[in-house]
Amino acid sequence: MAELKTKPTSQSAEDYLATIVPEQKRKDGFVLLKLFQDITGEKAVMWGASIVGFGSYHYKSERSRQEGDWPLVGFSPRKQNLTLYGIAGSNENAALLLKLGKHKTGVGCLYINKLSDIDIEILTRIIKQSFEHMKRVTKSS
């Protein structure tokens, strides 16, 4: 079984975000950093080269022999969009996602082009519910 590449590192989230271009994506990354820290009460940890994570849990895949650790919630200011992890999985978020603004979802991910496209108060509620949901569901696993 191949070793997972995405693991916690000692790199500072602030140092990583300072390297992001373009400038608006960098600014959005710092806004998300503060938002996630305020909501979760967790210290930001870099996972791999580009994911800023908060909290962690150990998972075991039911479909394969893969297992490892992953952040409860997190984000990455990718080239195409801001990717938020651990966000779309909660049923509690369905109604809020309808009010969020311009976004896309994937399995456990939320994709936003830029923060000015969405309602930041709604995003705050989504992150909070997602973090609480992930803490509940991973506690029992």
C-alpha atoms as a PDB file:
ATOM      1  CA  MET A   1       0.000   0.000   0.000  1.00  0.00           C
ATOM      2  CA  ALA A   2       1.370   3.409  -0.993  1.00  0.00           C
ATOM      3  CA  GLU A   3       2.179   5.899   1.744  1.00  0.00           C
ATOM      4  CA  LEU A   4      -0.068   8.947   1.888  1.00  0.00           C
ATOM      5  CA  LYS A   5       1.559  12.167   0.683  1.00  0.00           C
ATOM      6  CA  THR A   6      -0.756  14.544   2.512  1.00  0.00           C
ATOM      7  CA  LYS A   7       0.477  14.651   6.093  1.00  0.00           C
ATOM      8  CA  PRO A   8       0.916  17.393   8.684  1.00  0.00           C
ATOM      9  CA  THR A   9       4.092  19.413   8.168  1.00  0.00           C
ATOM     10  CA  SER A  10       5.968  21.979  10.226  1.00  0.00           C
ATOM     11  CA  GLN A  11       5.482  24.724   7.621  1.00  0.00           C
ATOM     12  CA  SER A  12       3.651  27.807   8.883  1.00  0.00           C
ATOM     13  CA  ALA A  13       0.240  28.460   7.320  1.00  0.00           C
ATOM     14  CA  GLU A  14       1.020  32.188   7.293  1.00  0.00           C
ATOM     15  CA  ASP A  15       4.302  31.619   5.433  1.00  0.00           C
ATOM     16  CA  TYR A  16       2.517  29.423   2.887  1.00  0.00           C
ATOM     17  CA  LEU A  17      -0.317  31.907   2.350  1.00  0.00           C
ATOM     18  CA  ALA A  18       2.174  34.746   1.878  1.00  0.00           C
ATOM     19  CA  THR A  19       3.409  32.982  -1.289  1.00  0.00           C
ATOM     20  CA  ILE A  20      -0.019  32.757  -2.954  1.00  0.00           C
ATOM     21  CA  VAL A  21      -0.606  34.666  -6.190  1.00  0.00           C
ATOM     22  CA  PRO A  22      -2.637  36.455  -7.372  1.00  0.00           C
ATOM     23  CA  GLU A  23      -3.005  39.002  -4.584  1.00  0.00           C
ATOM     24  CA  GLN A  24      -6.787  38.555  -4.191  1.00  0.00           C
ATOM     25  CA  LYS A  25      -6.410  34.812  -3.668  1.00  0.00           C
ATOM     26  CA  ARG A  26      -3.717  35.528  -1.041  1.00  0.00           C
ATOM     27  CA  LYS A  27      -5.997  38.032   0.740  1.00  0.00           C
ATOM     28  CA  ASP A  28      -8.904  35.546   0.640  1.00  0.00           C
ATOM     29  CA  GLY A  29      -6.582  32.882   2.073  1.00  0.00           C
ATOM     30  CA  PHE A  30      -5.735  35.077   5.062  1.00  0.00           C
ATOM     31  CA  VAL A  31      -9.433  35.857   5.617  1.00  0.00           C
ATOM     32  CA  LEU A  32     -10.185  32.123   5.592  1.00  0.00           C
ATOM     33  CA  LEU A  33      -7.286  31.450   7.975  1.00  0.00           C
ATOM     34  CA  LYS A  34      -8.714  33.857  10.560  1.00  0.00           C
ATOM     35  CA  LEU A  35     -12.261  32.611   9.994  1.00  0.00           C
ATOM     36  CA  PHE A  36     -11.348  28.938  10.461  1.00  0.00           C
ATOM     37  CA  GLN A  37      -9.184  29.698  13.519  1.00  0.00           C
ATOM     38  CA  ASP A  38     -11.942  31.766  15.144  1.00  0.00           C
ATOM     39  CA  ILE A  39     -14.617  29.133  14.449  1.00  0.00           C
ATOM     40  CA  THR A  40     -12.669  26.000  15.345  1.00  0.00           C
ATOM     41  CA  GLY A  41     -10.423  27.311  18.106  1.00  0.00           C
ATOM     42  CA  GLU A  42      -7.741  25.096  16.535  1.00  0.00           C
ATOM     43  CA  LYS A  43      -4.240  26.061  15.442  1.00  0.00           C
ATOM     44  CA  ALA A  44      -3.724  25.963  11.677  1.00  0.00           C
ATOM     45  CA  VAL A  45      -1.573  23.050  10.490  1.00  0.00           C
ATOM     46  CA  MET A  46      -0.217  22.647   6.979  1.00  0.00           C
ATOM     47  CA  TRP A  47      -1.119  19.284   5.449  1.00  0.00           C
ATOM     48  CA  GLY A  48       1.177  18.535   2.562  1.00  0.00           C
ATOM     49  CA  ALA A  49       2.266  21.500   0.506  1.00  0.00           C
ATOM     50  CA  SER A  50      -1.045  23.341   0.134  1.00  0.00           C
ATOM     51  CA  ILE A  51      -3.824  22.403   2.587  1.00  0.00           C
ATOM     52  CA  VAL A  52      -4.400  24.478   5.721  1.00  0.00           C
ATOM     53  CA  GLY A  53      -6.139  22.152   8.179  1.00  0.00           C
ATOM     54  CA  PHE A  54      -7.835  22.454  11.560  1.00  0.00           C
ATOM     55  CA  GLY A  55      -8.180  19.525  13.942  1.00  0.00           C
ATOM     56  CA  SER A  56      -7.623  15.969  12.720  1.00  0.00           C
ATOM     57  CA  TYR A  57      -9.055  12.484  12.758  1.00  0.00           C
ATOM     58  CA  HIS A  58      -7.962   9.002  11.771  1.00  0.00           C
ATOM     59  CA  TYR A  59      -9.939   7.286   9.015  1.00  0.00           C
ATOM     60  CA  LYS A  60     -10.106   3.802   7.548  1.00  0.00           C
ATOM     61  CA  SER A  61     -11.619   3.390   4.110  1.00  0.00           C
ATOM     62  CA  GLU A  62     -14.406   0.848   3.836  1.00  0.00           C
ATOM     63  CA  ARG A  63     -13.698   0.332   0.126  1.00  0.00           C
ATOM     64  CA  SER A  64      -9.946  -0.202   0.300  1.00  0.00           C
ATOM     65  CA  ARG A  65      -7.190  -0.853   2.797  1.00  0.00           C
ATOM     66  CA  GLN A  66      -6.277   2.817   2.864  1.00  0.00           C
ATOM     67  CA  GLU A  67      -6.207   4.612   6.199  1.00  0.00           C
ATOM     68  CA  GLY A  68      -4.610   7.735   7.538  1.00  0.00           C
ATOM     69  CA  ASP A  69      -5.106  11.069   9.216  1.00  0.00           C
ATOM     70  CA  TRP A  70      -6.933  14.054   7.763  1.00  0.00           C
ATOM     71  CA  PRO A  71      -8.016  17.490   8.999  1.00  0.00           C
ATOM     72  CA  LEU A  72     -11.568  17.837  10.350  1.00  0.00           C
ATOM     73  CA  VAL A  73     -11.961  20.934   8.159  1.00  0.00           C
ATOM     74  CA  GLY A  74      -9.562  22.962   6.078  1.00  0.00           C
ATOM     75  CA  PHE A  75      -8.965  24.932   2.926  1.00  0.00           C
ATOM     76  CA  SER A  76      -6.552  25.451   0.086  1.00  0.00           C
ATOM     77  CA  PRO A  77      -6.259  28.536  -2.134  1.00  0.00           C
ATOM     78  CA  ARG A  78      -5.864  26.597  -5.376  1.00  0.00           C
ATOM     79  CA  LYS A  79      -5.172  28.189  -8.760  1.00  0.00           C
ATOM     80  CA  GLN A  80      -8.746  27.745 -10.004  1.00  0.00           C
ATOM     81  CA  ASN A  81     -10.643  28.311  -6.746  1.00  0.00           C
ATOM     82  CA  LEU A  82     -10.685  28.298  -2.982  1.00  0.00           C
ATOM     83  CA  THR A  83     -11.256  24.676  -1.969  1.00  0.00           C
ATOM     84  CA  LEU A  84     -12.786  24.062   1.463  1.00  0.00           C
ATOM     85  CA  TYR A  85     -12.497  20.521   2.852  1.00  0.00           C
ATOM     86  CA  GLY A  86     -14.901  18.710   5.179  1.00  0.00           C
ATOM     87  CA  ILE A  87     -17.636  21.185   4.326  1.00  0.00           C
ATOM     88  CA  ALA A  88     -20.301  19.712   2.054  1.00  0.00           C
ATOM     89  CA  GLY A  89     -20.809  16.459   3.981  1.00  0.00           C
ATOM     90  CA  SER A  90     -23.332  17.674   6.552  1.00  0.00           C
ATOM     91  CA  ASN A  91     -27.065  17.517   5.782  1.00  0.00           C
ATOM     92  CA  GLU A  92     -27.439  20.500   8.100  1.00  0.00           C
ATOM     93  CA  ASN A  93     -25.655  22.617   5.497  1.00  0.00           C
ATOM     94  CA  ALA A  94     -28.016  21.910   2.579  1.00  0.00           C
ATOM     95  CA  ALA A  95     -30.309  24.892   3.238  1.00  0.00           C
ATOM     96  CA  LEU A  96     -27.369  27.184   3.956  1.00  0.00           C
ATOM     97  CA  LEU A  97     -25.627  26.229   0.712  1.00  0.00           C
ATOM     98  CA  LEU A  98     -28.696  27.498  -1.185  1.00  0.00           C
ATOM     99  CA  LYS A  99     -28.120  30.946   0.375  1.00  0.00           C
ATOM    100  CA  LEU A 100     -24.320  30.991   0.105  1.00  0.00           C
ATOM    101  CA  GLY A 101     -23.856  32.530  -3.322  1.00  0.00           C
ATOM    102  CA  LYS A 102     -21.784  31.372  -6.286  1.00  0.00           C
ATOM    103  CA  HIS A 103     -20.135  28.036  -5.465  1.00  0.00           C
ATOM    104  CA  LYS A 104     -19.809  24.379  -6.462  1.00  0.00           C
ATOM    105  CA  THR A 105     -19.688  21.276  -4.292  1.00  0.00           C
ATOM    106  CA  GLY A 106     -17.949  17.927  -4.556  1.00  0.00           C
ATOM    107  CA  VAL A 107     -17.642  14.979  -2.205  1.00  0.00           C
ATOM    108  CA  GLY A 108     -16.909  16.724   1.096  1.00  0.00           C
ATOM    109  CA  CYS A 109     -15.608  19.857  -0.634  1.00  0.00           C
ATOM    110  CA  LEU A 110     -16.880  23.333  -1.351  1.00  0.00           C
ATOM    111  CA  TYR A 111     -15.402  25.328  -4.239  1.00  0.00           C
ATOM    112  CA  ILE A 112     -15.548  29.142  -4.294  1.00  0.00           C
ATOM    113  CA  ASN A 113     -13.878  31.343  -6.904  1.00  0.00           C
ATOM    114  CA  LYS A 114     -13.425  34.293  -4.527  1.00  0.00           C
ATOM    115  CA  LEU A 115     -14.908  35.315  -1.192  1.00  0.00           C
ATOM    116  CA  SER A 116     -16.644  38.334  -2.745  1.00  0.00           C
ATOM    117  CA  ASP A 117     -18.883  35.826  -4.627  1.00  0.00           C
ATOM    118  CA  ILE A 118     -20.452  34.528  -1.420  1.00  0.00           C
ATOM    119  CA  ASP A 119     -22.131  35.622   1.814  1.00  0.00           C
ATOM    120  CA  ILE A 120     -19.386  35.400   4.457  1.00  0.00           C
ATOM    121  CA  GLU A 121     -21.919  35.134   7.313  1.00  0.00           C
ATOM    122  CA  ILE A 122     -23.488  32.085   5.671  1.00  0.00           C
ATOM    123  CA  LEU A 123     -20.022  30.622   5.082  1.00  0.00           C
ATOM    124  CA  THR A 124     -19.227  31.146   8.773  1.00  0.00           C
ATOM    125  CA  ARG A 125     -22.329  29.159   9.748  1.00  0.00           C
ATOM    126  CA  ILE A 126     -21.462  26.397   7.241  1.00  0.00           C
ATOM    127  CA  ILE A 127     -17.896  26.040   8.543  1.00  0.00           C
ATOM    128  CA  LYS A 128     -19.123  25.965  12.161  1.00  0.00           C
ATOM    129  CA  GLN A 129     -21.759  23.308  11.425  1.00  0.00           C
ATOM    130  CA  SER A 130     -19.294  21.282   9.368  1.00  0.00           C
ATOM    131  CA  PHE A 131     -16.643  21.354  12.074  1.00  0.00           C
ATOM    132  CA  GLU A 132     -19.158  20.293  14.743  1.00  0.00           C
ATOM    133  CA  HIS A 133     -20.519  17.585  12.426  1.00  0.00           C
ATOM    134  CA  MET A 134     -17.028  16.216  11.718  1.00  0.00           C
ATOM    135  CA  LYS A 135     -16.190  16.171  15.433  1.00  0.00           C
ATOM    136  CA  ARG A 136     -19.392  14.198  16.122  1.00  0.00           C
ATOM    137  CA  VAL A 137     -19.033  11.640  13.325  1.00  0.00           C
ATOM    138  CA  THR A 138     -15.316  11.030  13.810  1.00  0.00           C
ATOM    139  CA  LYS A 139     -15.661  10.666  17.562  1.00  0.00           C
ATOM    140  CA  SER A 140     -17.745   7.522  17.070  1.00  0.00           C
ATOM    141  CA  SER A 141     -15.353   5.960  14.532  1.00  0.00           C
END
